Amino acid sequence: MANKPDTIQPKPLTRRLKAEIAAARLREAADRRAGLRAVEVYTDPGAQKVFATLTTGVIFGFPFEMVPGLEGATPEQLNDVSLSPSGSGIHFNSINADVSVPGLILDTVGRSASAAAMGGTGGRSTSRAKVAAARANGRRGGRPKLKRESGKPSKRPKRPKLRKRAAS
């Protein structure tokens, strides 16, 4: 038998893996800013609801029926709830049921409304290139006007002229 090492030696991080880790950390930070992570979770069996305090301070509540596997659970089982370390998941320990915080928000608020709200956080980011472009545009009098291609109709059709009625 060959000698086996006592510990497993980790492989060195490749450049690609380091880039993936950095991108994942940026996505996590953006999700936290957008309120897609929870910092606290608790239940109210009397109201049949779960409440999660999001990273933005908003308290988000949803009925037990929204989570598959919670139907027929006892109040003690529903109170045995915990939050994942990242705040992206709620786990009902006694029942072994999990639910995604971002998924609940998207399903409740609506995908298009929440996508618009989350998209606003990405548009606020600034980079050196954005700052340089904004300064250059400012020196030239602001954002460049959109040029209309020749031969294409305008977006808004012209109104037809009204004819005057003949006097009777």
C-alpha atoms as a PDB file:
ATOM      1  CA  MET A   1       0.000   0.000   0.000  1.00  0.00           C
ATOM      2  CA  ALA A   2       1.283   3.434  -0.886  1.00  0.00           C
ATOM      3  CA  ASN A   3       1.642   6.101   1.767  1.00  0.00           C
ATOM      4  CA  LYS A   4      -1.415   8.341   1.779  1.00  0.00           C
ATOM      5  CA  PRO A   5      -1.115  11.898   3.021  1.00  0.00           C
ATOM      6  CA  ASP A   6      -3.048  12.747   6.188  1.00  0.00           C
ATOM      7  CA  THR A   7      -4.578  15.833   4.645  1.00  0.00           C
ATOM      8  CA  ILE A   8      -5.861  16.564   1.204  1.00  0.00           C
ATOM      9  CA  GLN A   9      -3.751  19.180  -0.506  1.00  0.00           C
ATOM     10  CA  PRO A  10      -5.856  21.823  -2.265  1.00  0.00           C
ATOM     11  CA  LYS A  11      -5.088  22.537  -5.871  1.00  0.00           C
ATOM     12  CA  PRO A  12      -3.669  25.976  -6.592  1.00  0.00           C
ATOM     13  CA  LEU A  13      -6.238  28.505  -7.769  1.00  0.00           C
ATOM     14  CA  THR A  14      -6.163  29.136 -11.482  1.00  0.00           C
ATOM     15  CA  ARG A  15      -6.604  32.583 -12.981  1.00  0.00           C
ATOM     16  CA  ARG A  16     -10.040  31.555 -14.284  1.00  0.00           C
ATOM     17  CA  LEU A  17     -11.178  30.282 -10.885  1.00  0.00           C
ATOM     18  CA  LYS A  18      -9.992  33.485  -9.191  1.00  0.00           C
ATOM     19  CA  ALA A  19     -12.015  35.505 -11.717  1.00  0.00           C
ATOM     20  CA  GLU A  20     -15.122  33.366 -11.072  1.00  0.00           C
ATOM     21  CA  ILE A  21     -14.767  33.850  -7.307  1.00  0.00           C
ATOM     22  CA  ALA A  22     -14.421  37.622  -7.733  1.00  0.00           C
ATOM     23  CA  ALA A  23     -17.515  37.718  -9.993  1.00  0.00           C
ATOM     24  CA  ALA A  24     -19.520  35.657  -7.486  1.00  0.00           C
ATOM     25  CA  ARG A  25     -18.575  38.049  -4.685  1.00  0.00           C
ATOM     26  CA  LEU A  26     -19.704  41.014  -6.797  1.00  0.00           C
ATOM     27  CA  ARG A  27     -23.042  39.320  -7.547  1.00  0.00           C
ATOM     28  CA  GLU A  28     -23.527  38.569  -3.846  1.00  0.00           C
ATOM     29  CA  ALA A  29     -22.817  42.199  -2.907  1.00  0.00           C
ATOM     30  CA  ALA A  30     -25.283  43.420  -5.553  1.00  0.00           C
ATOM     31  CA  ASP A  31     -27.964  41.021  -4.278  1.00  0.00           C
ATOM     32  CA  ARG A  32     -27.417  42.274  -0.721  1.00  0.00           C
ATOM     33  CA  ARG A  33     -27.787  45.913  -1.856  1.00  0.00           C
ATOM     34  CA  ALA A  34     -30.941  45.002  -3.805  1.00  0.00           C
ATOM     35  CA  GLY A  35     -32.498  43.415  -0.688  1.00  0.00           C
ATOM     36  CA  LEU A  36     -32.420  39.844  -1.988  1.00  0.00           C
ATOM     37  CA  ARG A  37     -30.867  38.498   1.212  1.00  0.00           C
ATOM     38  CA  ALA A  38     -32.363  38.119   4.683  1.00  0.00           C
ATOM     39  CA  VAL A  39     -30.711  38.930   8.002  1.00  0.00           C
ATOM     40  CA  GLU A  40     -33.437  37.512  10.266  1.00  0.00           C
ATOM     41  CA  VAL A  41     -36.333  35.072   9.947  1.00  0.00           C
ATOM     42  CA  TYR A  42     -39.202  34.241  12.286  1.00  0.00           C
ATOM     43  CA  THR A  43     -42.665  32.706  12.071  1.00  0.00           C
ATOM     44  CA  ASP A  44     -46.104  33.608  13.368  1.00  0.00           C
ATOM     45  CA  PRO A  45     -48.090  30.344  13.476  1.00  0.00           C
ATOM     46  CA  GLY A  46     -51.224  32.217  14.567  1.00  0.00           C
ATOM     47  CA  ALA A  47     -51.152  34.306  11.401  1.00  0.00           C
ATOM     48  CA  GLN A  48     -49.835  31.337   9.385  1.00  0.00           C
ATOM     49  CA  LYS A  49     -46.953  33.463   8.048  1.00  0.00           C
ATOM     50  CA  VAL A  50     -43.188  33.572   7.828  1.00  0.00           C
ATOM     51  CA  PHE A  51     -41.425  36.929   8.146  1.00  0.00           C
ATOM     52  CA  ALA A  52     -37.929  37.746   6.921  1.00  0.00           C
ATOM     53  CA  THR A  53     -36.077  41.007   7.551  1.00  0.00           C
ATOM     54  CA  LEU A  54     -34.153  41.813   4.377  1.00  0.00           C
ATOM     55  CA  THR A  55     -30.761  43.530   4.131  1.00  0.00           C
ATOM     56  CA  THR A  56     -32.539  46.765   3.170  1.00  0.00           C
ATOM     57  CA  GLY A  57     -34.548  46.718   6.419  1.00  0.00           C
ATOM     58  CA  VAL A  58     -37.789  45.738   4.684  1.00  0.00           C
ATOM     59  CA  ILE A  59     -39.799  43.047   6.459  1.00  0.00           C
ATOM     60  CA  PHE A  60     -41.101  40.558   3.926  1.00  0.00           C
ATOM     61  CA  GLY A  61     -43.900  38.213   4.959  1.00  0.00           C
ATOM     62  CA  PHE A  62     -45.483  35.310   3.137  1.00  0.00           C
ATOM     63  CA  PRO A  63     -48.072  32.649   3.998  1.00  0.00           C
ATOM     64  CA  PHE A  64     -47.005  29.100   4.840  1.00  0.00           C
ATOM     65  CA  GLU A  65     -48.957  27.794   1.828  1.00  0.00           C
ATOM     66  CA  MET A  66     -46.396  29.337  -0.541  1.00  0.00           C
ATOM     67  CA  VAL A  67     -43.786  26.801   0.581  1.00  0.00           C
ATOM     68  CA  PRO A  68     -44.310  23.209  -0.572  1.00  0.00           C
ATOM     69  CA  GLY A  69     -43.956  20.785   2.311  1.00  0.00           C
ATOM     70  CA  LEU A  70     -45.275  23.077   5.048  1.00  0.00           C
ATOM     71  CA  GLU A  71     -48.891  22.003   4.751  1.00  0.00           C
ATOM     72  CA  GLY A  72     -49.897  19.997   7.781  1.00  0.00           C
ATOM     73  CA  ALA A  73     -46.859  21.038   9.836  1.00  0.00           C
ATOM     74  CA  THR A  74     -47.323  21.629  13.552  1.00  0.00           C
ATOM     75  CA  PRO A  75     -46.628  25.057  15.105  1.00  0.00           C
ATOM     76  CA  GLU A  76     -43.525  23.590  16.802  1.00  0.00           C
ATOM     77  CA  GLN A  77     -42.185  22.421  13.443  1.00  0.00           C
ATOM     78  CA  LEU A  78     -42.910  25.790  11.854  1.00  0.00           C
ATOM     79  CA  ASN A  79     -41.088  27.620  14.671  1.00  0.00           C
ATOM     80  CA  ASP A  80     -37.951  25.520  14.083  1.00  0.00           C
ATOM     81  CA  VAL A  81     -36.715  27.784  11.285  1.00  0.00           C
ATOM     82  CA  SER A  82     -33.233  29.045  10.449  1.00  0.00           C
ATOM     83  CA  LEU A  83     -31.508  31.211   7.885  1.00  0.00           C
ATOM     84  CA  SER A  84     -28.685  30.098   5.602  1.00  0.00           C
ATOM     85  CA  PRO A  85     -25.314  31.768   6.321  1.00  0.00           C
ATOM     86  CA  SER A  86     -25.583  33.905   3.171  1.00  0.00           C
ATOM     87  CA  GLY A  87     -29.191  34.908   3.924  1.00  0.00           C
ATOM     88  CA  SER A  88     -30.390  33.539   0.591  1.00  0.00           C
ATOM     89  CA  GLY A  89     -32.345  30.593   2.009  1.00  0.00           C
ATOM     90  CA  ILE A  90     -34.821  29.802   4.775  1.00  0.00           C
ATOM     91  CA  HIS A  91     -34.669  26.269   6.208  1.00  0.00           C
ATOM     92  CA  PHE A  92     -37.413  24.582   8.218  1.00  0.00           C
ATOM     93  CA  ASN A  93     -35.246  22.196  10.240  1.00  0.00           C
ATOM     94  CA  SER A  94     -37.858  19.733  11.588  1.00  0.00           C
ATOM     95  CA  ILE A  95     -39.526  19.253   8.211  1.00  0.00           C
ATOM     96  CA  ASN A  96     -36.370  19.485   6.080  1.00  0.00           C
ATOM     97  CA  ALA A  97     -37.951  22.071   3.776  1.00  0.00           C
ATOM     98  CA  ASP A  98     -36.008  24.896   2.133  1.00  0.00           C
ATOM     99  CA  VAL A  99     -37.123  28.033   0.347  1.00  0.00           C
ATOM    100  CA  SER A 100     -35.124  30.603  -1.605  1.00  0.00           C
ATOM    101  CA  VAL A 101     -35.449  34.216  -0.414  1.00  0.00           C
ATOM    102  CA  PRO A 102     -34.834  35.731  -3.891  1.00  0.00           C
ATOM    103  CA  GLY A 103     -37.227  33.199  -5.425  1.00  0.00           C
ATOM    104  CA  LEU A 104     -39.995  34.121  -2.975  1.00  0.00           C
ATOM    105  CA  ILE A 105     -39.503  37.820  -3.629  1.00  0.00           C
ATOM    106  CA  LEU A 106     -39.556  37.319  -7.394  1.00  0.00           C
ATOM    107  CA  ASP A 107     -42.647  35.105  -7.235  1.00  0.00           C
ATOM    108  CA  THR A 108     -44.506  37.484  -4.926  1.00  0.00           C
ATOM    109  CA  VAL A 109     -43.620  40.876  -6.364  1.00  0.00           C
ATOM    110  CA  GLY A 110     -43.485  39.722  -9.947  1.00  0.00           C
ATOM    111  CA  ARG A 111     -40.490  39.041 -12.085  1.00  0.00           C
ATOM    112  CA  SER A 112     -40.732  42.145 -14.283  1.00  0.00           C
ATOM    113  CA  ALA A 113     -41.163  44.589 -11.376  1.00  0.00           C
ATOM    114  CA  SER A 114     -38.333  43.101  -9.354  1.00  0.00           C
ATOM    115  CA  ALA A 115     -36.094  42.837 -12.416  1.00  0.00           C
ATOM    116  CA  ALA A 116     -36.615  46.542 -13.062  1.00  0.00           C
ATOM    117  CA  ALA A 117     -35.777  47.358  -9.447  1.00  0.00           C
ATOM    118  CA  MET A 118     -32.674  45.168  -9.480  1.00  0.00           C
ATOM    119  CA  GLY A 119     -31.574  46.553 -12.849  1.00  0.00           C
ATOM    120  CA  GLY A 120     -31.472  50.019 -11.343  1.00  0.00           C
ATOM    121  CA  THR A 121     -28.777  48.942  -8.929  1.00  0.00           C
ATOM    122  CA  GLY A 122     -26.540  47.804 -11.779  1.00  0.00           C
ATOM    123  CA  GLY A 123     -26.987  51.057 -13.696  1.00  0.00           C
ATOM    124  CA  ARG A 124     -25.754  53.051 -10.719  1.00  0.00           C
ATOM    125  CA  SER A 125     -22.327  51.475 -10.797  1.00  0.00           C
ATOM    126  CA  THR A 126     -19.513  53.685 -11.974  1.00  0.00           C
ATOM    127  CA  SER A 127     -16.273  52.777 -13.603  1.00  0.00           C
ATOM    128  CA  ARG A 128     -13.370  54.817 -14.871  1.00  0.00           C
ATOM    129  CA  ALA A 129     -14.704  54.420 -18.402  1.00  0.00           C
ATOM    130  CA  LYS A 130     -18.170  55.712 -17.415  1.00  0.00           C
ATOM    131  CA  VAL A 131     -16.694  58.699 -15.587  1.00  0.00           C
ATOM    132  CA  ALA A 132     -14.467  59.555 -18.566  1.00  0.00           C
ATOM    133  CA  ALA A 133     -17.381  59.247 -21.020  1.00  0.00           C
ATOM    134  CA  ALA A 134     -19.633  61.434 -18.855  1.00  0.00           C
ATOM    135  CA  ARG A 135     -16.938  64.136 -18.627  1.00  0.00           C
ATOM    136  CA  ALA A 136     -16.299  64.023 -22.367  1.00  0.00           C
ATOM    137  CA  ASN A 137     -20.022  64.282 -23.119  1.00  0.00           C
ATOM    138  CA  GLY A 138     -20.332  67.170 -20.667  1.00  0.00           C
ATOM    139  CA  ARG A 139     -17.577  69.102 -22.443  1.00  0.00           C
ATOM    140  CA  ARG A 140     -19.417  68.629 -25.728  1.00  0.00           C
ATOM    141  CA  GLY A 141     -22.728  69.877 -24.363  1.00  0.00           C
ATOM    142  CA  GLY A 142     -24.250  66.744 -22.867  1.00  0.00           C
ATOM    143  CA  ARG A 143     -25.304  63.361 -24.084  1.00  0.00           C
ATOM    144  CA  PRO A 144     -25.259  63.044 -27.873  1.00  0.00           C
ATOM    145  CA  LYS A 145     -28.632  63.278 -29.620  1.00  0.00           C
ATOM    146  CA  LEU A 146     -29.933  60.182 -31.361  1.00  0.00           C
ATOM    147  CA  LYS A 147     -29.651  60.507 -35.127  1.00  0.00           C
ATOM    148  CA  ARG A 148     -32.600  59.417 -37.204  1.00  0.00           C
ATOM    149  CA  GLU A 149     -31.777  57.237 -40.156  1.00  0.00           C
ATOM    150  CA  SER A 150     -32.883  58.773 -43.454  1.00  0.00           C
ATOM    151  CA  GLY A 151     -35.851  57.132 -45.107  1.00  0.00           C
ATOM    152  CA  LYS A 152     -37.260  55.681 -41.896  1.00  0.00           C
ATOM    153  CA  PRO A 153     -40.605  56.960 -40.601  1.00  0.00           C
ATOM    154  CA  SER A 154     -40.614  58.828 -37.323  1.00  0.00           C
ATOM    155  CA  LYS A 155     -41.768  56.939 -34.251  1.00  0.00           C
ATOM    156  CA  ARG A 156     -44.919  59.009 -33.856  1.00  0.00           C
ATOM    157  CA  PRO A 157     -47.134  59.156 -36.948  1.00  0.00           C
ATOM    158  CA  LYS A 158     -48.313  62.562 -38.056  1.00  0.00           C
ATOM    159  CA  ARG A 159     -51.916  63.432 -37.278  1.00  0.00           C
ATOM    160  CA  PRO A 160     -54.261  63.651 -40.216  1.00  0.00           C
ATOM    161  CA  LYS A 161     -55.520  67.150 -40.932  1.00  0.00           C
ATOM    162  CA  LEU A 162     -59.182  67.680 -40.152  1.00  0.00           C
ATOM    163  CA  ARG A 163     -61.385  68.908 -42.985  1.00  0.00           C
ATOM    164  CA  LYS A 164     -63.651  71.807 -42.416  1.00  0.00           C
ATOM    165  CA  ARG A 165     -67.331  71.098 -42.928  1.00  0.00           C
ATOM    166  CA  ALA A 166     -69.123  72.988 -45.576  1.00  0.00           C
ATOM    167  CA  ALA A 167     -71.579  75.524 -44.198  1.00  0.00           C
ATOM    168  CA  SER A 168     -75.153  74.528 -44.834  1.00  0.00           C
END
